[in-house]
C-alpha atoms as a PDB file:
ATOM      1  CA  UNK A   1     -41.856  30.039 -87.571  1.00  0.00           C
ATOM      2  CA  UNK A   2     -44.350  32.121 -89.559  1.00  0.00           C
ATOM      3  CA  UNK A   3     -41.365  33.914 -91.085  1.00  0.00           C
ATOM      4  CA  UNK A   4     -39.675  30.699 -92.187  1.00  0.00           C
ATOM      5  CA  UNK A   5     -37.288  30.165 -89.293  1.00  0.00           C
ATOM      6  CA  UNK A   6     -36.678  26.640 -88.001  1.00  0.00           C
ATOM      7  CA  UNK A   7     -35.209  25.434 -84.672  1.00  0.00           C
ATOM      8  CA  UNK A   8     -31.524  24.792 -85.298  1.00  0.00           C
ATOM      9  CA  UNK A   9     -29.908  21.387 -84.853  1.00  0.00           C
ATOM     10  CA  UNK A  10     -26.597  23.158 -84.320  1.00  0.00           C
ATOM     11  CA  UNK A  11     -27.149  25.189 -81.170  1.00  0.00           C
ATOM     12  CA  UNK A  12     -23.736  26.314 -79.906  1.00  0.00           C
ATOM     13  CA  UNK A  13     -24.891  27.606 -76.526  1.00  0.00           C
ATOM     14  CA  UNK A  14     -27.128  25.595 -74.173  1.00  0.00           C
ATOM     15  CA  UNK A  15     -30.668  27.045 -74.279  1.00  0.00           C
ATOM     16  CA  UNK A  16     -31.443  26.143 -70.649  1.00  0.00           C
ATOM     17  CA  UNK A  17     -29.762  27.567 -67.584  1.00  0.00           C
ATOM     18  CA  UNK A  18     -30.193  28.631 -63.944  1.00  0.00           C
ATOM     19  CA  UNK A  19     -30.518  32.299 -62.970  1.00  0.00           C
ATOM     20  CA  UNK A  20     -29.689  33.260 -59.392  1.00  0.00           C
ATOM     21  CA  UNK A  21     -31.032  36.548 -58.017  1.00  0.00           C
ATOM     22  CA  UNK A  22     -28.264  38.727 -56.576  1.00  0.00           C
ATOM     23  CA  UNK A  23     -28.990  40.182 -53.157  1.00  0.00           C
ATOM     24  CA  UNK A  24     -27.175  40.745 -49.872  1.00  0.00           C
ATOM     25  CA  UNK A  25     -24.907  37.996 -48.559  1.00  0.00           C
ATOM     26  CA  UNK A  26     -27.352  36.554 -46.060  1.00  0.00           C
ATOM     27  CA  UNK A  27     -30.177  36.364 -48.581  1.00  0.00           C
ATOM     28  CA  UNK A  28     -27.995  34.651 -51.178  1.00  0.00           C
ATOM     29  CA  UNK A  29     -26.672  32.174 -48.631  1.00  0.00           C
ATOM     30  CA  UNK A  30     -30.214  31.438 -47.467  1.00  0.00           C
ATOM     31  CA  UNK A  31     -31.192  30.699 -51.078  1.00  0.00           C
ATOM     32  CA  UNK A  32     -28.546  27.972 -51.353  1.00  0.00           C
ATOM     33  CA  UNK A  33     -29.037  24.410 -50.266  1.00  0.00           C
ATOM     34  CA  UNK A  34     -27.710  23.879 -46.761  1.00  0.00           C
ATOM     35  CA  UNK A  35     -24.798  21.738 -47.937  1.00  0.00           C
ATOM     36  CA  UNK A  36     -23.680  24.423 -50.402  1.00  0.00           C
ATOM     37  CA  UNK A  37     -23.959  27.112 -47.741  1.00  0.00           C
ATOM     38  CA  UNK A  38     -21.868  24.939 -45.424  1.00  0.00           C
ATOM     39  CA  UNK A  39     -19.265  24.331 -48.151  1.00  0.00           C
ATOM     40  CA  UNK A  40     -18.900  28.054 -48.880  1.00  0.00           C
ATOM     41  CA  UNK A  41     -18.061  28.653 -45.242  1.00  0.00           C
ATOM     42  CA  UNK A  42     -15.949  25.497 -45.035  1.00  0.00           C
ATOM     43  CA  UNK A  43     -13.699  26.687 -47.864  1.00  0.00           C
ATOM     44  CA  UNK A  44     -12.901  29.827 -45.928  1.00  0.00           C
ATOM     45  CA  UNK A  45     -12.221  27.903 -42.730  1.00  0.00           C
ATOM     46  CA  UNK A  46      -9.939  25.498 -44.593  1.00  0.00           C
ATOM     47  CA  UNK A  47      -7.747  28.279 -45.914  1.00  0.00           C
ATOM     48  CA  UNK A  48      -8.969  28.613 -49.512  1.00  0.00           C
ATOM     49  CA  UNK A  49      -8.216  32.091 -50.836  1.00  0.00           C
ATOM     50  CA  UNK A  50      -9.874  33.527 -53.944  1.00  0.00           C
ATOM     51  CA  UNK A  51      -8.267  36.379 -55.855  1.00  0.00           C
ATOM     52  CA  UNK A  52      -8.530  38.142 -59.195  1.00  0.00           C
ATOM     53  CA  UNK A  53      -5.923  36.857 -61.610  1.00  0.00           C
ATOM     54  CA  UNK A  54      -3.319  38.948 -63.351  1.00  0.00           C
ATOM     55  CA  UNK A  55      -2.169  38.256 -66.895  1.00  0.00           C
ATOM     56  CA  UNK A  56       0.877  36.403 -65.610  1.00  0.00           C
ATOM     57  CA  UNK A  57      -1.499  33.841 -64.028  1.00  0.00           C
ATOM     58  CA  UNK A  58      -2.918  32.753 -67.394  1.00  0.00           C
ATOM     59  CA  UNK A  59      -0.487  29.818 -67.895  1.00  0.00           C
ATOM     60  CA  UNK A  60      -1.623  28.350 -64.554  1.00  0.00           C
ATOM     61  CA  UNK A  61      -5.246  28.978 -65.555  1.00  0.00           C
ATOM     62  CA  UNK A  62      -4.712  27.182 -68.853  1.00  0.00           C
ATOM     63  CA  UNK A  63      -3.106  24.188 -67.151  1.00  0.00           C
ATOM     64  CA  UNK A  64      -6.245  23.889 -65.027  1.00  0.00           C
ATOM     65  CA  UNK A  65      -8.388  24.092 -68.172  1.00  0.00           C
ATOM     66  CA  UNK A  66      -6.390  21.313 -69.823  1.00  0.00           C
ATOM     67  CA  UNK A  67      -6.636  19.130 -66.711  1.00  0.00           C
ATOM     68  CA  UNK A  68     -10.396  19.632 -66.598  1.00  0.00           C
ATOM     69  CA  UNK A  69     -10.705  18.903 -70.308  1.00  0.00           C
ATOM     70  CA  UNK A  70      -8.812  15.624 -69.967  1.00  0.00           C
ATOM     71  CA  UNK A  71     -10.831  14.571 -66.922  1.00  0.00           C
ATOM     72  CA  UNK A  72     -14.316  15.515 -68.116  1.00  0.00           C
ATOM     73  CA  UNK A  73     -13.899  14.937 -71.845  1.00  0.00           C
ATOM     74  CA  UNK A  74     -14.768  18.317 -73.333  1.00  0.00           C
ATOM     75  CA  UNK A  75     -12.912  20.494 -75.841  1.00  0.00           C
ATOM     76  CA  UNK A  76     -10.976  23.510 -74.634  1.00  0.00           C
ATOM     77  CA  UNK A  77     -10.056  26.729 -76.427  1.00  0.00           C
ATOM     78  CA  UNK A  78      -6.437  27.576 -77.165  1.00  0.00           C
ATOM     79  CA  UNK A  79      -4.286  29.506 -74.720  1.00  0.00           C
ATOM     80  CA  UNK A  80      -4.335  32.436 -77.163  1.00  0.00           C
ATOM     81  CA  UNK A  81      -8.154  32.484 -76.974  1.00  0.00           C
ATOM     82  CA  UNK A  82      -8.119  32.995 -73.213  1.00  0.00           C
ATOM     83  CA  UNK A  83      -5.326  35.555 -73.490  1.00  0.00           C
ATOM     84  CA  UNK A  84      -7.466  37.530 -75.937  1.00  0.00           C
ATOM     85  CA  UNK A  85     -10.497  37.223 -73.643  1.00  0.00           C
ATOM     86  CA  UNK A  86      -8.450  38.481 -70.697  1.00  0.00           C
ATOM     87  CA  UNK A  87      -7.149  41.479 -72.653  1.00  0.00           C
ATOM     88  CA  UNK A  88     -10.571  42.368 -74.075  1.00  0.00           C
ATOM     89  CA  UNK A  89     -12.770  41.828 -71.022  1.00  0.00           C
ATOM     90  CA  UNK A  90     -10.748  42.668 -67.913  1.00  0.00           C
ATOM     91  CA  UNK A  91     -11.022  44.664 -65.782  1.00  0.00           C
ATOM     92  CA  UNK A  92     -14.156  46.478 -66.955  1.00  0.00           C
ATOM     93  CA  UNK A  93     -16.358  43.606 -68.121  1.00  0.00           C
ATOM     94  CA  UNK A  94     -15.037  40.403 -66.533  1.00  0.00           C
ATOM     95  CA  UNK A  95     -12.843  38.907 -63.870  1.00  0.00           C
ATOM     96  CA  UNK A  96     -10.655  35.798 -63.915  1.00  0.00           C
ATOM     97  CA  UNK A  97     -10.824  34.325 -60.402  1.00  0.00           C
ATOM     98  CA  UNK A  98      -8.346  31.834 -58.964  1.00  0.00           C
ATOM     99  CA  UNK A  99      -8.861  29.723 -55.833  1.00  0.00           C
ATOM    100  CA  UNK A 100      -5.631  28.795 -54.052  1.00  0.00           C
ATOM    101  CA  UNK A 101      -4.498  26.946 -50.975  1.00  0.00           C
ATOM    102  CA  UNK A 102      -1.051  27.694 -49.578  1.00  0.00           C
ATOM    103  CA  UNK A 103      -0.279  29.470 -52.849  1.00  0.00           C
ATOM    104  CA  UNK A 104      -1.174  26.464 -55.019  1.00  0.00           C
ATOM    105  CA  UNK A 105      -3.826  27.004 -57.741  1.00  0.00           C
ATOM    106  CA  UNK A 106      -6.770  24.646 -57.211  1.00  0.00           C
ATOM    107  CA  UNK A 107      -9.524  25.977 -59.462  1.00  0.00           C
ATOM    108  CA  UNK A 108     -10.534  29.008 -61.511  1.00  0.00           C
ATOM    109  CA  UNK A 109     -13.582  30.598 -63.099  1.00  0.00           C
ATOM    110  CA  UNK A 110     -14.310  33.546 -65.385  1.00  0.00           C
ATOM    111  CA  UNK A 111     -17.306  35.770 -64.671  1.00  0.00           C
ATOM    112  CA  UNK A 112     -18.545  38.601 -66.912  1.00  0.00           C
ATOM    113  CA  UNK A 113     -21.162  41.317 -66.531  1.00  0.00           C
ATOM    114  CA  UNK A 114     -23.311  42.715 -69.334  1.00  0.00           C
ATOM    115  CA  UNK A 115     -25.867  45.280 -68.241  1.00  0.00           C
ATOM    116  CA  UNK A 116     -27.727  43.858 -65.239  1.00  0.00           C
ATOM    117  CA  UNK A 117     -26.627  40.277 -65.934  1.00  0.00           C
ATOM    118  CA  UNK A 118     -23.674  38.444 -64.466  1.00  0.00           C
ATOM    119  CA  UNK A 119     -22.563  35.367 -66.394  1.00  0.00           C
ATOM    120  CA  UNK A 120     -20.360  32.440 -65.375  1.00  0.00           C
ATOM    121  CA  UNK A 121     -18.374  31.845 -68.572  1.00  0.00           C
ATOM    122  CA  UNK A 122     -15.679  29.214 -67.945  1.00  0.00           C
ATOM    123  CA  UNK A 123     -14.505  27.050 -65.092  1.00  0.00           C
ATOM    124  CA  UNK A 124     -11.595  24.714 -64.428  1.00  0.00           C
ATOM    125  CA  UNK A 125     -10.391  22.698 -61.466  1.00  0.00           C
ATOM    126  CA  UNK A 126      -7.749  20.224 -60.397  1.00  0.00           C
ATOM    127  CA  UNK A 127      -8.109  17.062 -58.350  1.00  0.00           C
ATOM    128  CA  UNK A 128      -5.943  18.541 -55.610  1.00  0.00           C
ATOM    129  CA  UNK A 129      -7.478  19.539 -52.263  1.00  0.00           C
ATOM    130  CA  UNK A 130     -11.040  19.107 -53.479  1.00  0.00           C
ATOM    131  CA  UNK A 131     -12.200  18.535 -49.900  1.00  0.00           C
ATOM    132  CA  UNK A 132     -11.447  22.205 -49.257  1.00  0.00           C
ATOM    133  CA  UNK A 133     -14.337  23.109 -51.593  1.00  0.00           C
ATOM    134  CA  UNK A 134     -12.538  25.626 -53.855  1.00  0.00           C
ATOM    135  CA  UNK A 135     -15.310  25.512 -56.473  1.00  0.00           C
ATOM    136  CA  UNK A 136     -17.932  26.619 -53.965  1.00  0.00           C
ATOM    137  CA  UNK A 137     -15.635  29.444 -52.851  1.00  0.00           C
ATOM    138  CA  UNK A 138     -15.185  30.560 -56.458  1.00  0.00           C
ATOM    139  CA  UNK A 139     -18.890  30.716 -57.273  1.00  0.00           C
ATOM    140  CA  UNK A 140     -19.531  32.616 -54.068  1.00  0.00           C
ATOM    141  CA  UNK A 141     -16.832  35.122 -55.059  1.00  0.00           C
ATOM    142  CA  UNK A 142     -18.309  35.318 -58.570  1.00  0.00           C
ATOM    143  CA  UNK A 143     -21.790  36.051 -57.242  1.00  0.00           C
ATOM    144  CA  UNK A 144     -20.480  38.844 -55.039  1.00  0.00           C
ATOM    145  CA  UNK A 145     -18.275  40.306 -57.778  1.00  0.00           C
ATOM    146  CA  UNK A 146     -21.238  40.500 -60.167  1.00  0.00           C
ATOM    147  CA  UNK A 147     -23.424  42.083 -57.489  1.00  0.00           C
ATOM    148  CA  UNK A 148     -20.770  44.742 -56.799  1.00  0.00           C
ATOM    149  CA  UNK A 149     -21.007  45.702 -60.480  1.00  0.00           C
ATOM    150  CA  UNK A 150     -24.758  46.287 -60.225  1.00  0.00           C
ATOM    151  CA  UNK A 151     -25.825  42.996 -61.779  1.00  0.00           C
ATOM    152  CA  UNK A 152     -29.272  41.834 -60.677  1.00  0.00           C
ATOM    153  CA  UNK A 153     -28.910  38.156 -61.582  1.00  0.00           C
ATOM    154  CA  UNK A 154     -26.195  35.574 -62.127  1.00  0.00           C
ATOM    155  CA  UNK A 155     -26.411  33.161 -65.056  1.00  0.00           C
ATOM    156  CA  UNK A 156     -24.820  29.801 -64.263  1.00  0.00           C
ATOM    157  CA  UNK A 157     -24.764  29.174 -68.032  1.00  0.00           C
ATOM    158  CA  UNK A 158     -25.861  25.762 -69.057  1.00  0.00           C
ATOM    159  CA  UNK A 159     -27.870  22.820 -67.775  1.00  0.00           C
ATOM    160  CA  UNK A 160     -29.431  19.892 -69.690  1.00  0.00           C
ATOM    161  CA  UNK A 161     -32.141  21.168 -72.016  1.00  0.00           C
ATOM    162  CA  UNK A 162     -34.487  18.400 -70.877  1.00  0.00           C
ATOM    163  CA  UNK A 163     -34.661  20.168 -67.522  1.00  0.00           C
ATOM    164  CA  UNK A 164     -35.318  23.539 -69.142  1.00  0.00           C
ATOM    165  CA  UNK A 165     -38.164  22.081 -71.166  1.00  0.00           C
ATOM    166  CA  UNK A 166     -39.583  20.497 -68.026  1.00  0.00           C
ATOM    167  CA  UNK A 167     -39.388  23.830 -66.205  1.00  0.00           C
ATOM    168  CA  UNK A 168     -41.225  25.619 -69.012  1.00  0.00           C
ATOM    169  CA  UNK A 169     -43.947  22.972 -68.986  1.00  0.00           C
ATOM    170  CA  UNK A 170     -44.384  23.458 -65.239  1.00  0.00           C
ATOM    171  CA  UNK A 171     -44.504  27.227 -65.753  1.00  0.00           C
ATOM    172  CA  UNK A 172     -47.537  26.661 -68.052  1.00  0.00           C
ATOM    173  CA  UNK A 173     -46.232  28.918 -70.781  1.00  0.00           C
ATOM    174  CA  UNK A 174     -45.916  31.949 -68.522  1.00  0.00           C
ATOM    175  CA  UNK A 175     -42.300  32.476 -69.578  1.00  0.00           C
ATOM    176  CA  UNK A 176     -41.200  32.589 -65.968  1.00  0.00           C
ATOM    177  CA  UNK A 177     -38.629  30.226 -64.559  1.00  0.00           C
ATOM    178  CA  UNK A 178     -39.154  27.485 -62.011  1.00  0.00           C
ATOM    179  CA  UNK A 179     -37.135  27.111 -58.835  1.00  0.00           C
ATOM    180  CA  UNK A 180     -34.527  24.387 -59.333  1.00  0.00           C
ATOM    181  CA  UNK A 181     -35.669  22.654 -56.157  1.00  0.00           C
ATOM    182  CA  UNK A 182     -39.221  22.483 -57.538  1.00  0.00           C
ATOM    183  CA  UNK A 183     -38.269  20.243 -60.472  1.00  0.00           C
ATOM    184  CA  UNK A 184     -39.581  16.710 -59.887  1.00  0.00           C
ATOM    185  CA  UNK A 185     -36.225  14.968 -60.456  1.00  0.00           C
ATOM    186  CA  UNK A 186     -34.106  12.720 -58.269  1.00  0.00           C
ATOM    187  CA  UNK A 187     -30.554  14.059 -58.380  1.00  0.00           C
ATOM    188  CA  UNK A 188     -29.021  10.711 -57.478  1.00  0.00           C
ATOM    189  CA  UNK A 189     -30.582   9.089 -60.549  1.00  0.00           C
ATOM    190  CA  UNK A 190     -29.341  11.670 -63.065  1.00  0.00           C
ATOM    191  CA  UNK A 191     -26.466  10.780 -65.430  1.00  0.00           C
ATOM    192  CA  UNK A 192     -23.012  11.923 -64.388  1.00  0.00           C
ATOM    193  CA  UNK A 193     -21.746  13.021 -67.804  1.00  0.00           C
ATOM    194  CA  UNK A 194     -21.964  16.280 -69.741  1.00  0.00           C
ATOM    195  CA  UNK A 195     -24.246  19.014 -68.437  1.00  0.00           C
ATOM    196  CA  UNK A 196     -25.995  16.494 -66.175  1.00  0.00           C
ATOM    197  CA  UNK A 197     -22.919  16.381 -63.983  1.00  0.00           C
ATOM    198  CA  UNK A 198     -22.592  20.150 -63.705  1.00  0.00           C
ATOM    199  CA  UNK A 199     -26.321  20.488 -62.987  1.00  0.00           C
ATOM    200  CA  UNK A 200     -25.809  18.662 -59.703  1.00  0.00           C
ATOM    201  CA  UNK A 201     -23.358  21.385 -58.697  1.00  0.00           C
ATOM    202  CA  UNK A 202     -25.189  24.402 -60.093  1.00  0.00           C
ATOM    203  CA  UNK A 203     -28.626  23.617 -58.693  1.00  0.00           C
ATOM    204  CA  UNK A 204     -27.288  23.812 -55.150  1.00  0.00           C
ATOM    205  CA  UNK A 205     -26.936  27.595 -55.430  1.00  0.00           C
ATOM    206  CA  UNK A 206     -30.710  27.965 -55.784  1.00  0.00           C
ATOM    207  CA  UNK A 207     -32.190  30.125 -58.489  1.00  0.00           C
ATOM    208  CA  UNK A 208     -34.684  29.652 -61.288  1.00  0.00           C
ATOM    209  CA  UNK A 209     -34.442  27.185 -64.159  1.00  0.00           C
ATOM    210  CA  UNK A 210     -35.197  29.053 -67.388  1.00  0.00           C
ATOM    211  CA  UNK A 211     -35.142  28.242 -71.091  1.00  0.00           C
ATOM    212  CA  UNK A 212     -34.292  30.746 -73.792  1.00  0.00           C
ATOM    213  CA  UNK A 213     -35.526  30.828 -77.384  1.00  0.00           C
ATOM    214  CA  UNK A 214     -32.317  29.169 -78.546  1.00  0.00           C
ATOM    215  CA  UNK A 215     -30.747  29.156 -82.006  1.00  0.00           C
ATOM    216  CA  UNK A 216     -32.892  29.225 -85.153  1.00  0.00           C
ATOM    217  CA  UNK A 217     -32.057  28.846 -88.850  1.00  0.00           C
ATOM    218  CA  UNK A 218     -33.500  30.721 -91.831  1.00  0.00           C
ATOM    219  CA  UNK A 219     -33.162  28.315 -94.805  1.00  0.00           C
ATOM    220  CA  UNK A 220     -32.219  30.045 -98.070  1.00  0.00           C
ATOM    221  CA  UNK A 221     -32.540  26.820-100.049  1.00  0.00           C
ATOM    222  CA  UNK A 222     -34.887  24.071 -98.877  1.00  0.00           C
ATOM    223  CA  UNK A 223     -32.948  21.335-100.677  1.00  0.00           C
ATOM    224  CA  UNK A 224     -29.539  22.419 -99.383  1.00  0.00           C
ATOM    225  CA  UNK A 225     -30.982  22.963 -95.910  1.00  0.00           C
ATOM    226  CA  UNK A 226     -32.372  19.404 -95.885  1.00  0.00           C
ATOM    227  CA  UNK A 227     -28.900  18.093 -96.804  1.00  0.00           C
ATOM    228  CA  UNK A 228     -27.342  20.258 -94.103  1.00  0.00           C
ATOM    229  CA  UNK A 229     -29.672  18.875 -91.441  1.00  0.00           C
ATOM    230  CA  UNK A 230     -29.014  15.328 -92.624  1.00  0.00           C
ATOM    231  CA  UNK A 231     -25.262  15.917 -92.331  1.00  0.00           C
ATOM    232  CA  UNK A 232     -25.679  17.299 -88.806  1.00  0.00           C
ATOM    233  CA  UNK A 233     -27.708  14.254 -87.738  1.00  0.00           C
ATOM    234  CA  UNK A 234     -25.094  11.906 -89.185  1.00  0.00           C
ATOM    235  CA  UNK A 235     -22.294  13.758 -87.397  1.00  0.00           C
ATOM    236  CA  UNK A 236     -24.147  13.668 -84.083  1.00  0.00           C
ATOM    237  CA  UNK A 237     -24.778   9.938 -84.546  1.00  0.00           C
ATOM    238  CA  UNK A 238     -21.097   9.288 -85.235  1.00  0.00           C
ATOM    239  CA  UNK A 239     -20.056  11.396 -82.255  1.00  0.00           C
ATOM    240  CA  UNK A 240     -22.472   9.488 -80.011  1.00  0.00           C
ATOM    241  CA  UNK A 241     -21.142   6.162 -81.259  1.00  0.00           C
ATOM    242  CA  UNK A 242     -17.546   7.238 -80.582  1.00  0.00           C
ATOM    243  CA  UNK A 243     -18.568   8.315 -77.093  1.00  0.00           C
ATOM    244  CA  UNK A 244     -20.272   5.001 -76.416  1.00  0.00           C
ATOM    245  CA  UNK A 245     -17.180   3.136 -77.614  1.00  0.00           C
ATOM    246  CA  UNK A 246     -14.882   5.268 -75.432  1.00  0.00           C
ATOM    247  CA  UNK A 247     -16.995   4.804 -72.308  1.00  0.00           C
ATOM    248  CA  UNK A 248     -17.565   1.112 -73.044  1.00  0.00           C
END
């Protein structure tokens, strides 16, 4: 802030996330909540198979993305975007994982590795065979894939920033994360929309809640920057009102 930067109102990536330490299988399973550990094993018993996708699987992947977008109300990139990501990132930097039952695609995720960090980039799922826990099987496969490529931690990429701010307050400015299970929140009382819904799933894998510096702006014109921030606030207000109307 001494250099004129200001916290941005237009932060593209969520500043708060959960980082899971990568270790041997037993240690990682022990870190999970018991229900998540049970579901990982249940998926295997119920015949869910996870495999790395080939390029010919991308249409099925995109259909899952569109289904998830329609169900959960978030925007999705174009098919060409994911095709470009596949060509640029696989096999050296990322893997597209598909969970199937009896040959039918149920869910998919994309995991990348940069240096010692594994990152969960995108996820999609159908409503079919959800009781077989394909999403738990996928994250388990993603954790192991990242570990095999010498990653030390796995970034679950995105939880509500309110929780990240709470974690930093509990950490007393040390910069360290706080175990997700140590946050004084009641999961059953949290909202079910947006990142609140995915937090319920992600926190079950254990790990530390952390908050990054986030996006900052360097205003080149104070007047134009004030107008820019006003426009952003108005857009967010209109988006919120549309959301309230849709859910109402």
